Amino acid sequence: MSGGPIKAHAVQLEPPGLAGWAASPTGTAYVHERASVEAGPEVLVTALVHGNEYSGAWALDAFLRSGLQPRRGRITAAFCNTAAFARFEASHPDASRFVDEDFNRVWSASMLDGGGHSAELSRAREIRPFVDRASHLLDLHSMHEPCEPLLVTGLLPRNIAFAQSLGTAGQVVVDAGHADGVRMRDYGPFAEKEGSRIALLLESGQHWELASLQAARNVLMRFLVACGVLDHGDVLPGWLLPDALPPPPVTVTHRIVARSADFAFVQDFRGGEIIRRAGTPIAHDAGEAVVTPYDDCVLVMPSVRQLRPGVTTVRLGQRGDRTV
C-alpha cells in the first residue's frame, strides 16, 4: 500500500457450499425465511452483496442449518449476488466482486424502476420485495485489508444509537454513502428521517480471515437479540464474543478519490489510525501530496487493491461530535 507490489492476502476461509439454498419456498432463489406465529419485527439479513465477501454467507448458512427459530416476527436470510460468488477463485479472489456492476450502488428507485439491465439489477429487483418489507436490515460485508470490524450506520441518529447499543468493540462509522450510487442500507424508508426502520452494514474484517467469520456471527446474534426476534438465551453456543464498550463514533467528512493510477500511501495504513496534525501527508497522487484536512484525522478503510482513477482509496473522519 506504500507504492510497492500489493500483498496478496491468504484465503484462510474457503467459500461456503450454498447450492442447497438455491431452491426456496419463498419463490426467490437463495432467500429463506424463519417465522414465528407471534407478531414482531421483519428482520432481513443479507450476505454476498459482493461475491467475494463470503464470511457473512458462512454465518447465514450456519444460522439456517441450526434450525433456530425466531420468538417473534420473521427473519429473512438472503444470499444476494450468487452469480458473482459462483465465479470465485482463490487465485484471483478480487475478480468476483460483481458481474456487471456493483450490487451495492443500484438501490435507488430510479435505477430499480428504470430500463437498465445488468446481472446485479436483475437480482436486486428479485430481492427488492424483501427489502421493502424489512423493519430491520443487517447487511454483512468484509474488507479488502485487515482491519477491526466496522458498523456503518448512515447519518440517522437511530441507526447510530442502535449500533452503539450492540455491545461490540466494532467502530461505528457515520457516513453519507457514495456519490456513484445508493447502498442497500440507504434505500428508501431506511433513509427517512422521520421513520423508524433500522439499517446497519457490518464490515467484519479482511475478506478471508477466520476472525471475520467470528465477527459476523457475533454481530448477527447481537442484532437479532436487539431487534427482539430472539431472546438472549436463544443465542447459538460459541457465537458471541465478549461484551465490549464501543469507541465513540467516527463521522466521515471526506473521501479521497484517486485521480490517477499513480496513487500510493506513505505507509501501510490498515484503518483506524489517528493522524494528529492537519496537513500531514498520507499519500501521493500523480506526484502531489494528499494531506489530512484537520487535526486528529481518523483513516477509515484505506486500500489501493482496486486502484484506478475515480475509486475511493480512503475515507477521513472525526471522532465524537466534532464537525468540520
Protein backbone atom coordinates (compact mmCIF):
# COMPACT_ATOMS: atom_id res chain seq x y z
CA MET A 1 0.00 0.00 0.00
CA SER A 2 3.02 2.28 0.12
CA GLY A 3 3.81 2.04 -3.57
CA GLY A 4 5.31 -1.47 -3.89
CA PRO A 5 3.58 -4.65 -5.03
CA ILE A 6 0.25 -5.25 -3.36
CA LYS A 7 0.47 -8.14 -0.94
CA ALA A 8 -1.93 -10.99 -1.64
CA HIS A 9 -3.93 -11.99 1.42
CA ALA A 10 -4.16 -15.65 2.29
CA VAL A 11 -7.56 -17.24 1.79
CA GLN A 12 -7.99 -18.78 5.25
CA LEU A 13 -11.74 -19.19 4.85
CA GLU A 14 -12.84 -21.43 2.00
CA PRO A 15 -16.04 -20.50 0.12
CA PRO A 16 -19.18 -21.98 1.69
CA GLY A 17 -21.24 -24.53 -0.17
CA LEU A 18 -24.56 -22.84 -0.80
CA ALA A 19 -26.13 -24.95 -3.55
CA GLY A 20 -28.61 -26.42 -1.07
CA TRP A 21 -30.17 -22.98 -0.55
CA ALA A 22 -30.86 -22.30 -4.24
CA ALA A 23 -34.44 -23.60 -4.11
CA SER A 24 -36.64 -21.78 -1.64
CA PRO A 25 -40.29 -21.83 -0.53
CA THR A 26 -40.23 -18.04 -0.92
CA GLY A 27 -40.06 -18.50 -4.68
CA THR A 28 -36.86 -16.45 -4.82
CA ALA A 29 -33.62 -18.37 -5.14
CA TYR A 30 -31.25 -18.20 -2.17
CA VAL A 31 -33.75 -16.30 0.00
CA HIS A 32 -35.10 -18.15 3.06
CA GLU A 33 -37.44 -17.25 5.90
CA ARG A 34 -37.84 -18.31 9.50
CA ALA A 35 -41.12 -17.05 11.01
CA SER A 36 -42.82 -17.08 14.41
CA VAL A 37 -46.55 -17.30 14.99
CA GLU A 38 -46.15 -14.25 17.24
CA ALA A 39 -46.09 -10.85 15.57
CA GLY A 40 -42.84 -8.94 15.65
CA PRO A 41 -40.11 -7.29 13.61
CA GLU A 42 -39.40 -8.03 9.96
CA VAL A 43 -35.65 -8.66 10.04
CA LEU A 44 -33.62 -9.05 6.84
CA VAL A 45 -30.03 -10.28 6.97
CA THR A 46 -28.11 -10.12 3.69
CA ALA A 47 -24.77 -11.55 2.61
CA LEU A 48 -22.84 -11.78 -0.66
CA VAL A 49 -23.81 -8.29 -1.79
CA HIS A 50 -20.27 -8.58 -3.15
CA GLY A 51 -19.44 -12.04 -4.42
CA ASN A 52 -16.00 -12.33 -2.83
CA GLU A 53 -17.17 -11.23 0.65
CA TYR A 54 -18.41 -14.53 1.99
CA SER A 55 -17.78 -14.54 5.75
CA GLY A 56 -21.35 -13.31 6.11
CA ALA A 57 -22.57 -16.13 3.88
CA TRP A 58 -20.86 -18.64 6.18
CA ALA A 59 -22.70 -17.07 9.12
CA LEU A 60 -26.07 -17.13 7.34
CA ASP A 61 -25.52 -20.71 6.19
CA ALA A 62 -24.79 -21.83 9.76
CA PHE A 63 -27.78 -19.89 11.11
CA LEU A 64 -30.14 -21.56 8.64
CA ARG A 65 -28.67 -25.01 9.30
CA SER A 66 -29.03 -24.54 13.05
CA GLY A 67 -32.81 -24.61 12.84
CA LEU A 68 -33.03 -21.63 15.19
CA GLN A 69 -36.50 -20.06 15.02
CA PRO A 70 -37.48 -16.51 15.96
CA ARG A 71 -39.53 -15.95 19.11
CA ARG A 72 -41.34 -13.10 17.43
CA GLY A 73 -41.63 -11.77 13.89
CA ARG A 74 -39.71 -13.08 10.92
CA ILE A 75 -36.05 -13.45 9.95
CA THR A 76 -35.28 -13.46 6.23
CA ALA A 77 -31.81 -14.57 5.12
CA ALA A 78 -30.76 -13.55 1.60
CA PHE A 79 -27.63 -14.63 -0.27
CA CYS A 80 -27.56 -11.77 -2.75
CA ASN A 81 -25.06 -11.76 -5.63
CA THR A 82 -24.74 -15.51 -6.03
CA ALA A 83 -23.83 -15.13 -9.71
CA ALA A 84 -20.68 -13.23 -8.75
CA PHE A 85 -19.96 -15.62 -5.88
CA ALA A 86 -20.10 -18.58 -8.29
CA ARG A 87 -17.09 -17.08 -10.11
CA PHE A 88 -14.86 -17.01 -7.01
CA GLU A 89 -11.37 -18.42 -7.45
CA ALA A 90 -8.77 -18.30 -4.68
CA SER A 91 -6.07 -17.49 -7.26
CA HIS A 92 -7.97 -14.32 -8.29
CA PRO A 93 -10.09 -13.56 -5.22
CA ASP A 94 -10.87 -9.93 -6.05
CA ALA A 95 -12.27 -10.73 -9.51
CA SER A 96 -15.67 -11.93 -8.27
CA ARG A 97 -16.83 -8.76 -6.52
CA PHE A 98 -19.60 -8.34 -9.11
CA VAL A 99 -20.58 -9.46 -12.61
CA ASP A 100 -21.59 -6.23 -14.40
CA GLU A 101 -21.77 -3.52 -11.75
CA ASP A 102 -21.63 -3.00 -8.00
CA PHE A 103 -24.74 -4.56 -6.44
CA ASN A 104 -24.45 -2.04 -3.60
CA ARG A 105 -24.86 1.00 -5.84
CA VAL A 106 -28.21 0.22 -7.50
CA TRP A 107 -30.63 0.80 -4.59
CA SER A 108 -32.48 3.86 -5.84
CA ALA A 109 -35.99 3.88 -7.29
CA SER A 110 -34.66 5.47 -10.48
CA MET A 111 -32.33 2.52 -11.09
CA LEU A 112 -34.62 -0.26 -9.87
CA ASP A 113 -37.63 1.08 -11.79
CA GLY A 114 -35.63 2.23 -14.80
CA GLY A 115 -34.80 0.50 -18.03
CA GLY A 116 -31.26 -0.56 -17.14
CA HIS A 117 -30.16 -4.17 -17.47
CA SER A 118 -27.37 -5.97 -15.62
CA ALA A 119 -26.94 -9.13 -13.60
CA GLU A 120 -26.93 -7.05 -10.43
CA LEU A 121 -30.05 -5.04 -11.30
CA SER A 122 -31.96 -8.20 -12.12
CA ARG A 123 -31.04 -9.75 -8.80
CA ALA A 124 -31.80 -6.53 -6.88
CA ARG A 125 -35.26 -6.45 -8.41
CA GLU A 126 -35.84 -10.03 -7.23
CA ILE A 127 -34.78 -9.20 -3.68
CA ARG A 128 -36.46 -5.80 -3.51
CA PRO A 129 -39.79 -7.05 -2.04
CA PHE A 130 -37.93 -8.46 0.96
CA VAL A 131 -36.04 -5.19 1.41
CA ASP A 132 -39.27 -3.20 1.10
CA ARG A 133 -40.95 -5.05 3.97
CA ALA A 134 -37.95 -5.12 6.34
CA SER A 135 -38.17 -3.15 9.58
CA HIS A 136 -34.53 -4.06 10.37
CA LEU A 137 -31.68 -4.74 7.93
CA LEU A 138 -28.23 -6.14 8.70
CA ASP A 139 -26.03 -6.22 5.60
CA LEU A 140 -22.93 -8.40 6.11
CA HIS A 141 -19.75 -7.31 4.31
CA SER A 142 -15.97 -7.60 4.73
CA MET A 143 -12.94 -5.51 3.72
CA HIS A 144 -10.01 -5.64 1.31
CA GLU A 145 -7.41 -5.09 4.03
CA PRO A 146 -7.06 -6.41 7.60
CA CYS A 147 -8.95 -4.11 9.95
CA GLU A 148 -11.05 -4.23 13.08
CA PRO A 149 -14.81 -4.61 12.39
CA LEU A 150 -16.79 -1.52 11.45
CA LEU A 151 -20.53 -0.84 11.77
CA VAL A 152 -21.60 1.61 9.05
CA THR A 153 -24.78 3.47 10.01
CA GLY A 154 -25.51 6.27 7.58
CA LEU A 155 -26.35 9.63 9.15
CA LEU A 156 -29.53 8.97 11.14
CA PRO A 157 -29.25 9.08 14.95
CA ARG A 158 -31.46 5.99 15.40
CA ASN A 159 -29.00 3.81 13.47
CA ILE A 160 -26.01 5.23 15.31
CA ALA A 161 -27.66 4.57 18.69
CA PHE A 162 -28.69 1.04 17.68
CA ALA A 163 -25.16 0.19 16.54
CA GLN A 164 -23.61 1.60 19.72
CA SER A 165 -26.04 -0.45 21.82
CA LEU A 166 -24.94 -3.84 20.45
CA GLY A 167 -22.06 -4.20 22.88
CA THR A 168 -19.31 -4.88 20.36
CA ALA A 169 -15.89 -3.28 20.06
CA GLY A 170 -16.63 -2.51 16.41
CA GLN A 171 -16.07 1.08 15.34
CA VAL A 172 -19.30 2.84 14.37
CA VAL A 173 -18.79 4.80 11.15
CA VAL A 174 -21.25 7.57 10.31
CA ASP A 175 -21.29 8.41 6.62
CA ALA A 176 -23.49 9.70 3.82
CA GLY A 177 -22.95 6.85 1.38
CA HIS A 178 -21.43 7.01 -2.09
CA ALA A 179 -21.65 9.52 -4.91
CA ASP A 180 -21.75 6.79 -7.56
CA GLY A 181 -24.92 5.05 -6.35
CA VAL A 182 -27.13 4.13 -3.41
CA ARG A 183 -26.32 1.30 -1.00
CA MET A 184 -28.99 -1.13 0.18
CA ARG A 185 -28.68 0.21 3.72
CA ASP A 186 -29.58 3.71 2.41
CA TYR A 187 -32.53 2.50 0.34
CA GLY A 188 -35.95 4.15 0.58
CA PRO A 189 -37.51 4.09 4.07
CA PHE A 190 -34.19 3.23 5.71
CA ALA A 191 -33.06 6.80 4.95
CA GLU A 192 -36.24 8.61 6.05
CA LYS A 193 -35.53 10.95 8.96
CA GLU A 194 -38.98 10.59 10.48
CA GLY A 195 -39.10 6.82 10.06
CA SER A 196 -38.29 4.01 12.45
CA ARG A 197 -36.56 1.43 10.28
CA ILE A 198 -33.06 0.34 11.25
CA ALA A 199 -30.30 -0.49 8.77
CA LEU A 200 -26.69 -1.36 9.57
CA LEU A 201 -23.83 -2.51 7.36
CA LEU A 202 -21.15 -4.63 9.02
CA GLU A 203 -17.60 -4.65 7.66
CA SER A 204 -16.43 -7.72 9.56
CA GLY A 205 -12.69 -7.62 8.78
CA GLN A 206 -10.48 -8.85 5.95
CA HIS A 207 -12.50 -10.90 3.45
CA TRP A 208 -10.99 -14.34 4.02
CA GLU A 209 -9.78 -14.29 7.62
CA LEU A 210 -11.35 -16.64 10.16
CA ALA A 211 -11.76 -13.68 12.51
CA SER A 212 -14.16 -12.09 10.01
CA LEU A 213 -16.50 -15.07 10.29
CA GLN A 214 -16.48 -14.82 14.10
CA ALA A 215 -17.21 -11.09 13.89
CA ALA A 216 -20.11 -11.73 11.50
CA ARG A 217 -21.58 -14.38 13.81
CA ASN A 218 -21.19 -12.14 16.86
CA VAL A 219 -22.91 -9.14 15.29
CA LEU A 220 -25.63 -11.30 13.71
CA MET A 221 -26.64 -12.78 17.05
CA ARG A 222 -26.47 -9.44 18.86
CA PHE A 223 -28.52 -7.77 16.11
CA LEU A 224 -31.27 -10.42 16.27
CA VAL A 225 -31.50 -10.10 20.05
CA ALA A 226 -31.50 -6.29 19.91
CA CYS A 227 -34.30 -6.38 17.30
CA GLY A 228 -36.38 -8.56 19.60
CA VAL A 229 -36.83 -11.56 17.29
CA LEU A 230 -34.61 -13.66 19.61
CA ASP A 231 -34.03 -13.72 23.36
CA HIS A 232 -30.51 -13.74 24.75
CA GLY A 233 -30.90 -17.36 25.81
CA ASP A 234 -31.52 -18.37 22.20
CA VAL A 235 -28.04 -17.34 21.02
CA LEU A 236 -26.16 -20.17 19.35
CA PRO A 237 -23.34 -21.52 21.56
CA GLY A 238 -19.93 -20.04 20.81
CA TRP A 239 -21.22 -17.29 18.56
CA LEU A 240 -20.83 -14.34 20.91
CA LEU A 241 -17.57 -12.52 21.55
CA PRO A 242 -17.17 -10.85 24.97
CA ASP A 243 -19.21 -7.71 25.57
CA ALA A 244 -17.25 -4.55 24.84
CA LEU A 245 -17.68 -0.82 25.28
CA PRO A 246 -17.69 0.65 21.75
CA PRO A 247 -15.46 3.61 20.96
CA PRO A 248 -17.09 6.93 20.08
CA PRO A 249 -18.44 7.03 16.51
CA VAL A 250 -16.32 8.30 13.64
CA THR A 251 -18.07 10.67 11.25
CA VAL A 252 -16.73 10.58 7.70
CA THR A 253 -16.09 14.09 6.40
CA HIS A 254 -14.02 13.45 3.26
CA ARG A 255 -13.48 10.74 0.69
CA ILE A 256 -10.12 10.60 -1.02
CA VAL A 257 -10.66 9.53 -4.63
CA ALA A 258 -7.70 8.54 -6.79
CA ARG A 259 -7.10 11.00 -9.62
CA SER A 260 -4.58 8.69 -11.29
CA ALA A 261 -3.21 5.17 -11.22
CA ASP A 262 -0.09 6.68 -9.64
CA PHE A 263 -1.58 6.77 -6.13
CA ALA A 264 0.34 5.40 -3.15
CA PHE A 265 0.04 5.73 0.62
CA VAL A 266 3.12 6.88 2.51
CA GLN A 267 2.95 3.79 4.74
CA ASP A 268 0.97 0.58 5.23
CA PHE A 269 -2.17 2.03 6.79
CA ARG A 270 -4.73 -0.53 8.00
CA GLY A 271 -7.58 1.74 9.14
CA GLY A 272 -8.27 3.37 12.48
CA GLU A 273 -5.01 5.32 12.53
CA ILE A 274 -5.32 8.82 14.00
CA ILE A 275 -3.18 11.43 12.24
CA ARG A 276 -2.60 14.08 14.85
CA ARG A 277 -1.73 17.16 12.76
CA ALA A 278 -3.59 18.83 9.90
CA GLY A 279 -1.53 18.99 6.72
CA THR A 280 0.23 15.66 7.32
CA PRO A 281 0.85 13.78 4.05
CA ILE A 282 -0.83 10.36 3.98
CA ALA A 283 -0.40 9.59 0.27
CA HIS A 284 0.81 10.89 -3.07
CA ASP A 285 -1.33 11.02 -6.21
CA ALA A 286 0.25 11.85 -9.57
CA GLY A 287 3.19 13.39 -7.71
CA GLU A 288 1.08 15.59 -5.42
CA ALA A 289 0.73 15.10 -1.67
CA VAL A 290 -2.60 14.09 -0.18
CA VAL A 291 -2.76 15.67 3.28
CA THR A 292 -5.07 15.50 6.29
CA PRO A 293 -7.57 18.39 6.44
CA TYR A 294 -7.69 18.72 10.25
CA ASP A 295 -6.09 17.56 13.48
CA ASP A 296 -6.86 14.09 14.88
CA CYS A 297 -7.97 12.78 11.49
CA VAL A 298 -9.09 9.13 11.52
CA LEU A 299 -8.36 6.94 8.49
CA VAL A 300 -11.24 4.64 7.52
CA MET A 301 -10.81 1.63 5.21
CA PRO A 302 -7.64 2.61 3.31
CA SER A 303 -6.99 0.39 0.29
CA VAL A 304 -5.48 0.57 -3.18
CA ARG A 305 -6.32 -3.02 -4.06
CA GLN A 306 -8.77 -1.91 -6.77
CA LEU A 307 -6.87 1.23 -7.66
CA ARG A 308 -7.96 3.17 -10.73
CA PRO A 309 -8.94 6.81 -11.29
CA GLY A 310 -12.27 7.57 -9.62
CA VAL A 311 -12.02 4.87 -6.94
CA THR A 312 -12.19 5.83 -3.25
CA THR A 313 -8.88 4.97 -1.59
CA VAL A 314 -9.62 6.10 1.98
CA ARG A 315 -12.24 7.94 3.99
CA LEU A 316 -11.29 10.62 6.52
CA GLY A 317 -13.26 11.12 9.69
CA GLN A 318 -13.51 12.68 13.13
CA ARG A 319 -14.45 11.00 16.40
CA GLY A 320 -17.39 12.05 18.53
CA ASP A 321 -19.46 15.13 17.82
CA ARG A 322 -16.75 17.23 16.15
CA THR A 323 -17.70 18.70 12.81
CA VAL A 324 -15.77 20.48 10.11
